Amino acid sequence: MKECIACHSGQIKQVDIITKDDAFILLENSEVVDSPPQSQKIIKYVCLNCGFINLYAEDYI
């Protein structure tokens, strides 16, 4: 199971990040994540315990 690198909580959700001017919005796009999906894009996670935002990128061809 994936955990937060800041507080080691297992309360991780995958989100999308929308930016506008000097602000950003996190939009939930899945349930609690067990493992990162394989893709060629940047995947964003937020910790529901401490609020830490983690960017995760893998390149599978």
N, C-alpha and C. Protein backbone atom coordinates (compact mmCIF):
# COMPACT_ATOMS: atom_id res chain seq x y z
N MET A 1 0.85 -1.18 0.00
CA MET A 1 0.00 0.00 0.00
C MET A 1 0.89 1.24 0.00
N LYS A 2 0.53 2.24 -0.77
CA LYS A 2 1.27 3.50 -0.85
C LYS A 2 1.00 4.31 0.41
N GLU A 3 2.05 4.99 0.88
CA GLU A 3 1.87 5.83 2.05
C GLU A 3 2.50 7.21 1.82
N CYS A 4 2.08 8.16 2.62
CA CYS A 4 2.58 9.53 2.54
C CYS A 4 4.06 9.56 2.91
N ILE A 5 4.88 10.24 2.11
CA ILE A 5 6.29 10.31 2.43
C ILE A 5 6.57 11.31 3.55
N ALA A 6 5.61 12.17 3.88
CA ALA A 6 5.81 13.16 4.94
C ALA A 6 5.42 12.61 6.32
N CYS A 7 4.22 12.00 6.42
CA CYS A 7 3.74 11.55 7.73
C CYS A 7 3.54 10.03 7.81
N HIS A 8 3.75 9.32 6.71
CA HIS A 8 3.64 7.86 6.63
C HIS A 8 2.22 7.33 6.84
N SER A 9 1.22 8.18 6.64
CA SER A 9 -0.17 7.76 6.71
C SER A 9 -0.54 7.01 5.44
N GLY A 10 -1.48 6.09 5.52
CA GLY A 10 -1.98 5.37 4.36
C GLY A 10 -3.19 6.04 3.73
N GLN A 11 -3.55 7.22 4.22
CA GLN A 11 -4.73 7.94 3.74
C GLN A 11 -4.37 8.78 2.51
N ILE A 12 -4.19 8.13 1.37
CA ILE A 12 -3.76 8.80 0.14
C ILE A 12 -4.89 8.77 -0.88
N LYS A 13 -5.12 9.90 -1.54
CA LYS A 13 -6.09 9.95 -2.63
C LYS A 13 -5.43 10.54 -3.86
N GLN A 14 -5.81 10.01 -5.01
CA GLN A 14 -5.34 10.56 -6.28
C GLN A 14 -6.21 11.75 -6.63
N VAL A 15 -5.58 12.85 -7.07
CA VAL A 15 -6.31 14.08 -7.37
C VAL A 15 -5.83 14.67 -8.68
N ASP A 16 -6.60 15.61 -9.20
CA ASP A 16 -6.17 16.48 -10.30
C ASP A 16 -5.95 17.86 -9.70
N ILE A 17 -4.98 18.59 -10.24
CA ILE A 17 -4.69 19.94 -9.75
C ILE A 17 -5.02 20.94 -10.85
N ILE A 18 -5.90 21.89 -10.53
CA ILE A 18 -6.28 22.96 -11.44
C ILE A 18 -5.66 24.25 -10.90
N THR A 19 -4.90 24.97 -11.72
CA THR A 19 -4.31 26.23 -11.28
C THR A 19 -4.96 27.40 -11.99
N LYS A 20 -5.11 28.49 -11.25
CA LYS A 20 -5.65 29.73 -11.81
C LYS A 20 -5.07 30.89 -11.02
N ASP A 21 -4.38 31.77 -11.70
CA ASP A 21 -3.71 32.91 -11.07
C ASP A 21 -2.75 32.40 -9.99
N ASP A 22 -2.93 32.83 -8.75
CA ASP A 22 -2.04 32.42 -7.66
C ASP A 22 -2.64 31.31 -6.79
N ALA A 23 -3.72 30.69 -7.24
CA ALA A 23 -4.39 29.68 -6.43
C ALA A 23 -4.44 28.35 -7.16
N PHE A 24 -4.74 27.29 -6.41
CA PHE A 24 -4.95 25.99 -7.03
C PHE A 24 -6.10 25.26 -6.34
N ILE A 25 -6.71 24.35 -7.07
CA ILE A 25 -7.83 23.56 -6.57
C ILE A 25 -7.48 22.10 -6.76
N LEU A 26 -7.75 21.27 -5.75
CA LEU A 26 -7.57 19.82 -5.86
C LEU A 26 -8.92 19.20 -6.12
N LEU A 27 -9.02 18.39 -7.18
CA LEU A 27 -10.25 17.69 -7.51
C LEU A 27 -10.02 16.20 -7.35
N GLU A 28 -10.83 15.55 -6.53
CA GLU A 28 -10.72 14.12 -6.31
C GLU A 28 -11.07 13.38 -7.59
N ASN A 29 -10.27 12.37 -7.96
CA ASN A 29 -10.62 11.60 -9.15
C ASN A 29 -10.56 10.10 -8.94
N SER A 30 -10.42 9.63 -7.70
CA SER A 30 -10.49 8.20 -7.43
C SER A 30 -10.61 7.96 -5.93
N GLU A 31 -10.78 6.70 -5.56
CA GLU A 31 -10.84 6.33 -4.15
C GLU A 31 -9.43 6.23 -3.60
N VAL A 32 -9.30 5.77 -2.35
CA VAL A 32 -7.98 5.61 -1.74
C VAL A 32 -7.15 4.70 -2.63
N VAL A 33 -5.90 5.06 -2.85
CA VAL A 33 -5.04 4.38 -3.81
C VAL A 33 -4.20 3.32 -3.10
N ASP A 34 -4.19 2.08 -3.65
CA ASP A 34 -3.36 1.02 -3.10
C ASP A 34 -1.97 1.04 -3.72
N SER A 35 -1.88 1.29 -5.02
CA SER A 35 -0.59 1.37 -5.69
C SER A 35 -0.73 2.30 -6.88
N PRO A 36 0.35 2.97 -7.29
CA PRO A 36 0.26 3.89 -8.41
C PRO A 36 0.00 3.17 -9.73
N PRO A 37 -0.89 3.69 -10.55
CA PRO A 37 -1.14 3.07 -11.86
C PRO A 37 0.01 3.31 -12.82
N GLN A 38 0.18 2.43 -13.79
CA GLN A 38 1.22 2.59 -14.79
C GLN A 38 0.71 3.53 -15.88
N SER A 39 1.50 4.54 -16.20
CA SER A 39 1.09 5.50 -17.23
C SER A 39 2.30 6.29 -17.70
N GLN A 40 2.07 7.19 -18.62
CA GLN A 40 3.12 8.07 -19.12
C GLN A 40 2.84 9.51 -18.72
N LYS A 41 2.06 9.74 -17.69
CA LYS A 41 1.76 11.10 -17.28
C LYS A 41 2.07 11.27 -15.80
N ILE A 42 2.03 12.50 -15.35
CA ILE A 42 2.27 12.79 -13.94
C ILE A 42 0.98 12.56 -13.16
N ILE A 43 1.09 11.80 -12.09
CA ILE A 43 -0.05 11.47 -11.26
C ILE A 43 0.13 12.21 -9.94
N LYS A 44 -0.93 12.84 -9.47
CA LYS A 44 -0.87 13.65 -8.28
C LYS A 44 -1.62 12.96 -7.14
N TYR A 45 -1.00 12.95 -5.94
CA TYR A 45 -1.61 12.37 -4.75
C TYR A 45 -1.63 13.41 -3.65
N VAL A 46 -2.66 13.38 -2.81
CA VAL A 46 -2.71 14.24 -1.62
C VAL A 46 -2.94 13.33 -0.41
N CYS A 47 -2.26 13.66 0.68
CA CYS A 47 -2.43 12.93 1.93
C CYS A 47 -3.61 13.54 2.68
N LEU A 48 -4.58 12.73 3.04
CA LEU A 48 -5.75 13.23 3.77
C LEU A 48 -5.43 13.49 5.24
N ASN A 49 -4.30 12.99 5.70
CA ASN A 49 -3.90 13.17 7.09
C ASN A 49 -3.17 14.51 7.30
N CYS A 50 -2.15 14.79 6.46
CA CYS A 50 -1.34 16.00 6.68
C CYS A 50 -1.45 17.02 5.54
N GLY A 51 -2.04 16.65 4.40
CA GLY A 51 -2.22 17.58 3.29
C GLY A 51 -1.05 17.64 2.32
N PHE A 52 -0.05 16.80 2.51
CA PHE A 52 1.11 16.81 1.63
C PHE A 52 0.71 16.39 0.22
N ILE A 53 1.17 17.13 -0.79
CA ILE A 53 0.88 16.82 -2.19
C ILE A 53 2.13 16.20 -2.81
N ASN A 54 1.99 15.03 -3.41
CA ASN A 54 3.10 14.32 -4.01
C ASN A 54 2.83 14.13 -5.50
N LEU A 55 3.82 14.43 -6.33
CA LEU A 55 3.73 14.21 -7.77
C LEU A 55 4.50 12.95 -8.10
N TYR A 56 3.89 12.06 -8.86
CA TYR A 56 4.49 10.76 -9.16
C TYR A 56 4.46 10.56 -10.66
N ALA A 57 5.60 10.25 -11.25
CA ALA A 57 5.67 10.07 -12.71
C ALA A 57 6.41 8.78 -13.04
N GLU A 58 5.83 8.00 -13.91
CA GLU A 58 6.47 6.80 -14.45
C GLU A 58 6.29 6.81 -15.95
N ASP A 59 7.24 6.27 -16.65
CA ASP A 59 7.16 6.22 -18.11
C ASP A 59 7.28 4.78 -18.56
N TYR A 60 6.14 4.16 -18.82
CA TYR A 60 6.10 2.79 -19.31
C TYR A 60 5.81 2.79 -20.80
N ILE A 61 6.67 2.18 -21.58
CA ILE A 61 6.46 2.12 -23.03
C ILE A 61 6.18 0.71 -23.45
